[in-house]
């Protein structure tokens, strides 16, 4: 089931929330316990490891590369690619996280779950940002997809220990200590 197709046809980062709008330390507090770190990139500089370019987050190994204007949904999306990759894939991650269509759906679903745990952000805002950026869902919107066409994503997340989210986050933290 192909529920989501991503495209770079809309880079209207003015309409999506940038990481600079989050409370200081919010993103680090969410991701560091899971083993993912981030590296700030100076304004205007090219973002290392960015698949889409422009202001989109970059991923190299266990490090997210973000500028102040990087959309929050992009940071969460790349973080979720890392979270869902096995150790072998994590070690070689650079720019293109790869994975199957089902894994891409699971990444989208997980980023929406994590949005709820990120101070200054929300699941509803994540849905709106995904729609504004240009994620294309068969059912028309991120919220409708999440509620009614994400069974494949949920199954993969369950298989990999990410549903329910709370116990998976604790499990992941224990593995990184």
C-alpha atoms as a PDB file:
ATOM      1  CA  UNK A   1       0.000   0.000   0.000  1.00  0.00           C
ATOM      2  CA  UNK A   2       1.532   3.308  -1.045  1.00  0.00           C
ATOM      3  CA  UNK A   3      -0.093   5.868   1.217  1.00  0.00           C
ATOM      4  CA  UNK A   4       2.458   8.630   0.906  1.00  0.00           C
ATOM      5  CA  UNK A   5       4.617   9.983  -1.868  1.00  0.00           C
ATOM      6  CA  UNK A   6       7.075  12.684  -0.986  1.00  0.00           C
ATOM      7  CA  UNK A   7       8.077  15.358  -3.421  1.00  0.00           C
ATOM      8  CA  UNK A   8      10.076  18.527  -3.333  1.00  0.00           C
ATOM      9  CA  UNK A   9       7.577  20.459  -5.407  1.00  0.00           C
ATOM     10  CA  UNK A  10       6.682  22.709  -2.472  1.00  0.00           C
ATOM     11  CA  UNK A  11       9.422  24.313  -0.405  1.00  0.00           C
ATOM     12  CA  UNK A  12       7.275  26.920   1.286  1.00  0.00           C
ATOM     13  CA  UNK A  13       9.212  26.874   4.546  1.00  0.00           C
ATOM     14  CA  UNK A  14       7.607  30.207   5.430  1.00  0.00           C
ATOM     15  CA  UNK A  15       4.369  28.340   6.090  1.00  0.00           C
ATOM     16  CA  UNK A  16       5.862  25.525   8.157  1.00  0.00           C
ATOM     17  CA  UNK A  17       7.305  25.832  11.653  1.00  0.00           C
ATOM     18  CA  UNK A  18      11.123  26.089  11.698  1.00  0.00           C
ATOM     19  CA  UNK A  19      13.225  24.499  14.447  1.00  0.00           C
ATOM     20  CA  UNK A  20      14.192  27.992  15.625  1.00  0.00           C
ATOM     21  CA  UNK A  21      10.568  28.490  16.791  1.00  0.00           C
ATOM     22  CA  UNK A  22      10.828  25.602  19.268  1.00  0.00           C
ATOM     23  CA  UNK A  23      11.739  26.250  22.902  1.00  0.00           C
ATOM     24  CA  UNK A  24      15.480  26.095  23.464  1.00  0.00           C
ATOM     25  CA  UNK A  25      16.670  22.520  23.935  1.00  0.00           C
ATOM     26  CA  UNK A  26      13.297  20.941  23.029  1.00  0.00           C
ATOM     27  CA  UNK A  27      14.520  18.933  20.059  1.00  0.00           C
ATOM     28  CA  UNK A  28      17.683  17.798  21.826  1.00  0.00           C
ATOM     29  CA  UNK A  29      15.684  16.707  24.884  1.00  0.00           C
ATOM     30  CA  UNK A  30      13.471  14.546  22.696  1.00  0.00           C
ATOM     31  CA  UNK A  31      16.170  12.981  20.528  1.00  0.00           C
ATOM     32  CA  UNK A  32      19.310  12.707  22.678  1.00  0.00           C
ATOM     33  CA  UNK A  33      17.892  10.007  24.990  1.00  0.00           C
ATOM     34  CA  UNK A  34      17.179   7.958  21.867  1.00  0.00           C
ATOM     35  CA  UNK A  35      20.827   8.140  20.751  1.00  0.00           C
ATOM     36  CA  UNK A  36      20.475  10.766  18.035  1.00  0.00           C
ATOM     37  CA  UNK A  37      22.423  13.985  18.181  1.00  0.00           C
ATOM     38  CA  UNK A  38      22.173  17.121  16.102  1.00  0.00           C
ATOM     39  CA  UNK A  39      24.591  19.574  14.618  1.00  0.00           C
ATOM     40  CA  UNK A  40      23.579  23.178  13.976  1.00  0.00           C
ATOM     41  CA  UNK A  41      24.442  24.547  10.544  1.00  0.00           C
ATOM     42  CA  UNK A  42      25.063  28.285  10.072  1.00  0.00           C
ATOM     43  CA  UNK A  43      22.335  30.331   8.381  1.00  0.00           C
ATOM     44  CA  UNK A  44      22.650  30.209   4.617  1.00  0.00           C
ATOM     45  CA  UNK A  45      25.130  27.309   4.614  1.00  0.00           C
ATOM     46  CA  UNK A  46      24.411  24.092   2.751  1.00  0.00           C
ATOM     47  CA  UNK A  47      23.048  21.416   5.073  1.00  0.00           C
ATOM     48  CA  UNK A  48      25.245  18.297   5.021  1.00  0.00           C
ATOM     49  CA  UNK A  49      23.344  15.077   4.353  1.00  0.00           C
ATOM     50  CA  UNK A  50      20.169  16.811   3.154  1.00  0.00           C
ATOM     51  CA  UNK A  51      18.284  14.692   0.636  1.00  0.00           C
ATOM     52  CA  UNK A  52      16.059  17.546  -0.585  1.00  0.00           C
ATOM     53  CA  UNK A  53      18.517  20.421  -0.159  1.00  0.00           C
ATOM     54  CA  UNK A  54      17.303  23.938   0.650  1.00  0.00           C
ATOM     55  CA  UNK A  55      16.474  24.115   4.386  1.00  0.00           C
ATOM     56  CA  UNK A  56      15.618  20.426   4.770  1.00  0.00           C
ATOM     57  CA  UNK A  57      17.283  18.403   7.537  1.00  0.00           C
ATOM     58  CA  UNK A  58      20.352  16.335   6.774  1.00  0.00           C
ATOM     59  CA  UNK A  59      21.197  12.930   8.196  1.00  0.00           C
ATOM     60  CA  UNK A  60      24.680  11.447   8.436  1.00  0.00           C
ATOM     61  CA  UNK A  61      25.140   8.486  10.751  1.00  0.00           C
ATOM     62  CA  UNK A  62      23.545   9.324  14.092  1.00  0.00           C
ATOM     63  CA  UNK A  63      23.654  13.091  13.516  1.00  0.00           C
ATOM     64  CA  UNK A  64      20.921  15.389  12.256  1.00  0.00           C
ATOM     65  CA  UNK A  65      22.182  18.542  10.564  1.00  0.00           C
ATOM     66  CA  UNK A  66      19.803  21.481  10.991  1.00  0.00           C
ATOM     67  CA  UNK A  67      19.709  25.181  10.265  1.00  0.00           C
ATOM     68  CA  UNK A  68      17.491  27.589  12.169  1.00  0.00           C
ATOM     69  CA  UNK A  69      15.092  27.596   9.192  1.00  0.00           C
ATOM     70  CA  UNK A  70      14.885  23.789   8.938  1.00  0.00           C
ATOM     71  CA  UNK A  71      11.227  22.745   9.241  1.00  0.00           C
ATOM     72  CA  UNK A  72      10.430  20.841  12.431  1.00  0.00           C
ATOM     73  CA  UNK A  73       8.604  18.156  10.433  1.00  0.00           C
ATOM     74  CA  UNK A  74      11.771  17.633   8.367  1.00  0.00           C
ATOM     75  CA  UNK A  75      13.918  17.230  11.485  1.00  0.00           C
ATOM     76  CA  UNK A  76      11.431  14.709  12.908  1.00  0.00           C
ATOM     77  CA  UNK A  77      11.183  12.870   9.596  1.00  0.00           C
ATOM     78  CA  UNK A  78      14.927  12.351   9.272  1.00  0.00           C
ATOM     79  CA  UNK A  79      15.172  11.446  12.960  1.00  0.00           C
ATOM     80  CA  UNK A  80      12.530   8.765  12.436  1.00  0.00           C
ATOM     81  CA  UNK A  81      14.436   7.330   9.478  1.00  0.00           C
ATOM     82  CA  UNK A  82      17.365   6.852  11.852  1.00  0.00           C
ATOM     83  CA  UNK A  83      15.168   5.444  14.617  1.00  0.00           C
ATOM     84  CA  UNK A  84      13.663   2.815  12.303  1.00  0.00           C
ATOM     85  CA  UNK A  85      16.945   1.750  10.698  1.00  0.00           C
ATOM     86  CA  UNK A  86      18.770  -1.288  12.045  1.00  0.00           C
ATOM     87  CA  UNK A  87      22.322  -0.879  13.377  1.00  0.00           C
ATOM     88  CA  UNK A  88      23.940  -1.814  10.063  1.00  0.00           C
ATOM     89  CA  UNK A  89      21.922   0.737   8.101  1.00  0.00           C
ATOM     90  CA  UNK A  90      22.431   3.389  10.779  1.00  0.00           C
ATOM     91  CA  UNK A  91      26.187   3.070  10.479  1.00  0.00           C
ATOM     92  CA  UNK A  92      26.045   3.852   6.763  1.00  0.00           C
ATOM     93  CA  UNK A  93      23.324   6.500   6.734  1.00  0.00           C
ATOM     94  CA  UNK A  94      24.268   9.454   4.608  1.00  0.00           C
ATOM     95  CA  UNK A  95      21.704  11.663   2.857  1.00  0.00           C
ATOM     96  CA  UNK A  96      19.413   8.905   1.514  1.00  0.00           C
ATOM     97  CA  UNK A  97      17.987   6.821   4.353  1.00  0.00           C
ATOM     98  CA  UNK A  98      16.572   4.234   1.948  1.00  0.00           C
ATOM     99  CA  UNK A  99      14.002   1.735   3.155  1.00  0.00           C
ATOM    100  CA  UNK A 100      10.786   0.403   1.681  1.00  0.00           C
ATOM    101  CA  UNK A 101       7.534   2.247   0.937  1.00  0.00           C
ATOM    102  CA  UNK A 102       6.089   0.717   4.097  1.00  0.00           C
ATOM    103  CA  UNK A 103       9.034   2.000   6.118  1.00  0.00           C
ATOM    104  CA  UNK A 104       8.515   5.475   4.623  1.00  0.00           C
ATOM    105  CA  UNK A 105       4.905   5.314   5.810  1.00  0.00           C
ATOM    106  CA  UNK A 106       6.092   4.198   9.256  1.00  0.00           C
ATOM    107  CA  UNK A 107       8.555   7.109   9.357  1.00  0.00           C
ATOM    108  CA  UNK A 108       5.695   9.516   8.618  1.00  0.00           C
ATOM    109  CA  UNK A 109       3.509   7.921  11.288  1.00  0.00           C
ATOM    110  CA  UNK A 110       6.271   7.964  13.909  1.00  0.00           C
ATOM    111  CA  UNK A 111       7.108  11.610  13.209  1.00  0.00           C
ATOM    112  CA  UNK A 112       3.453  12.448  13.929  1.00  0.00           C
ATOM    113  CA  UNK A 113       3.615  10.505  17.201  1.00  0.00           C
ATOM    114  CA  UNK A 114       6.834  12.226  18.252  1.00  0.00           C
ATOM    115  CA  UNK A 115       5.342  15.625  17.403  1.00  0.00           C
ATOM    116  CA  UNK A 116       3.108  15.211  20.457  1.00  0.00           C
ATOM    117  CA  UNK A 117       6.194  14.826  22.676  1.00  0.00           C
ATOM    118  CA  UNK A 118       7.990  17.878  21.346  1.00  0.00           C
ATOM    119  CA  UNK A 119       7.384  21.076  23.351  1.00  0.00           C
ATOM    120  CA  UNK A 120       6.213  23.861  21.044  1.00  0.00           C
ATOM    121  CA  UNK A 121       4.868  21.447  18.443  1.00  0.00           C
ATOM    122  CA  UNK A 122       1.877  19.122  18.123  1.00  0.00           C
ATOM    123  CA  UNK A 123       0.477  16.356  15.988  1.00  0.00           C
ATOM    124  CA  UNK A 124      -2.023  18.786  14.412  1.00  0.00           C
ATOM    125  CA  UNK A 125       0.801  21.192  13.529  1.00  0.00           C
ATOM    126  CA  UNK A 126       2.838  18.309  12.108  1.00  0.00           C
ATOM    127  CA  UNK A 127      -0.110  17.302   9.901  1.00  0.00           C
ATOM    128  CA  UNK A 128      -0.516  20.888   8.684  1.00  0.00           C
ATOM    129  CA  UNK A 129       3.221  21.246   8.008  1.00  0.00           C
ATOM    130  CA  UNK A 130       3.343  17.946   6.124  1.00  0.00           C
ATOM    131  CA  UNK A 131       0.422  19.046   3.948  1.00  0.00           C
ATOM    132  CA  UNK A 132       1.948  22.501   3.350  1.00  0.00           C
ATOM    133  CA  UNK A 133       5.319  21.024   2.410  1.00  0.00           C
ATOM    134  CA  UNK A 134       3.888  18.698  -0.175  1.00  0.00           C
ATOM    135  CA  UNK A 135       3.518  15.200   1.226  1.00  0.00           C
ATOM    136  CA  UNK A 136       0.920  13.575  -1.031  1.00  0.00           C
ATOM    137  CA  UNK A 137      -1.496  11.144   0.584  1.00  0.00           C
ATOM    138  CA  UNK A 138      -4.028   9.027  -1.281  1.00  0.00           C
ATOM    139  CA  UNK A 139      -6.739  10.165   1.147  1.00  0.00           C
ATOM    140  CA  UNK A 140      -5.810  13.815   0.616  1.00  0.00           C
ATOM    141  CA  UNK A 141      -4.195  14.927   3.871  1.00  0.00           C
ATOM    142  CA  UNK A 142      -1.769  13.768   6.523  1.00  0.00           C
ATOM    143  CA  UNK A 143      -4.455  13.747   9.226  1.00  0.00           C
ATOM    144  CA  UNK A 144      -6.857  11.658   7.135  1.00  0.00           C
ATOM    145  CA  UNK A 145      -4.078   9.230   6.199  1.00  0.00           C
ATOM    146  CA  UNK A 146      -2.957   8.932   9.834  1.00  0.00           C
ATOM    147  CA  UNK A 147      -6.497   8.168  11.013  1.00  0.00           C
ATOM    148  CA  UNK A 148      -7.654   5.900   8.213  1.00  0.00           C
ATOM    149  CA  UNK A 149      -4.943   4.511   5.934  1.00  0.00           C
ATOM    150  CA  UNK A 150      -1.898   3.847   8.079  1.00  0.00           C
ATOM    151  CA  UNK A 151      -2.344   0.194   9.031  1.00  0.00           C
ATOM    152  CA  UNK A 152       0.870  -0.801   7.223  1.00  0.00           C
ATOM    153  CA  UNK A 153       2.839   1.878   9.071  1.00  0.00           C
ATOM    154  CA  UNK A 154       1.383   0.850  12.413  1.00  0.00           C
ATOM    155  CA  UNK A 155       2.153  -2.818  11.751  1.00  0.00           C
ATOM    156  CA  UNK A 156       5.798  -2.049  10.986  1.00  0.00           C
ATOM    157  CA  UNK A 157       6.090   0.178  14.055  1.00  0.00           C
ATOM    158  CA  UNK A 158       4.563  -2.551  16.197  1.00  0.00           C
ATOM    159  CA  UNK A 159       6.985  -5.114  14.708  1.00  0.00           C
ATOM    160  CA  UNK A 160       9.967  -2.878  15.468  1.00  0.00           C
ATOM    161  CA  UNK A 161       8.827  -2.065  19.000  1.00  0.00           C
ATOM    162  CA  UNK A 162       7.677   1.515  18.465  1.00  0.00           C
ATOM    163  CA  UNK A 163       4.008   0.919  19.304  1.00  0.00           C
ATOM    164  CA  UNK A 164       3.074   1.652  21.958  1.00  0.00           C
ATOM    165  CA  UNK A 165       5.437   4.598  21.753  1.00  0.00           C
ATOM    166  CA  UNK A 166       6.110   5.027  25.475  1.00  0.00           C
ATOM    167  CA  UNK A 167       7.486   1.535  26.048  1.00  0.00           C
ATOM    168  CA  UNK A 168       9.523   1.654  22.843  1.00  0.00           C
ATOM    169  CA  UNK A 169      11.141   4.959  23.795  1.00  0.00           C
ATOM    170  CA  UNK A 170      12.099   3.510  27.167  1.00  0.00           C
ATOM    171  CA  UNK A 171      13.445   0.385  25.455  1.00  0.00           C
ATOM    172  CA  UNK A 172      15.495   2.478  23.021  1.00  0.00           C
ATOM    173  CA  UNK A 173      16.900   4.599  25.841  1.00  0.00           C
ATOM    174  CA  UNK A 174      17.939   1.460  27.746  1.00  0.00           C
ATOM    175  CA  UNK A 175      19.721   0.146  24.626  1.00  0.00           C
ATOM    176  CA  UNK A 176      21.765   3.348  24.269  1.00  0.00           C
ATOM    177  CA  UNK A 177      22.905   3.491  27.908  1.00  0.00           C
END
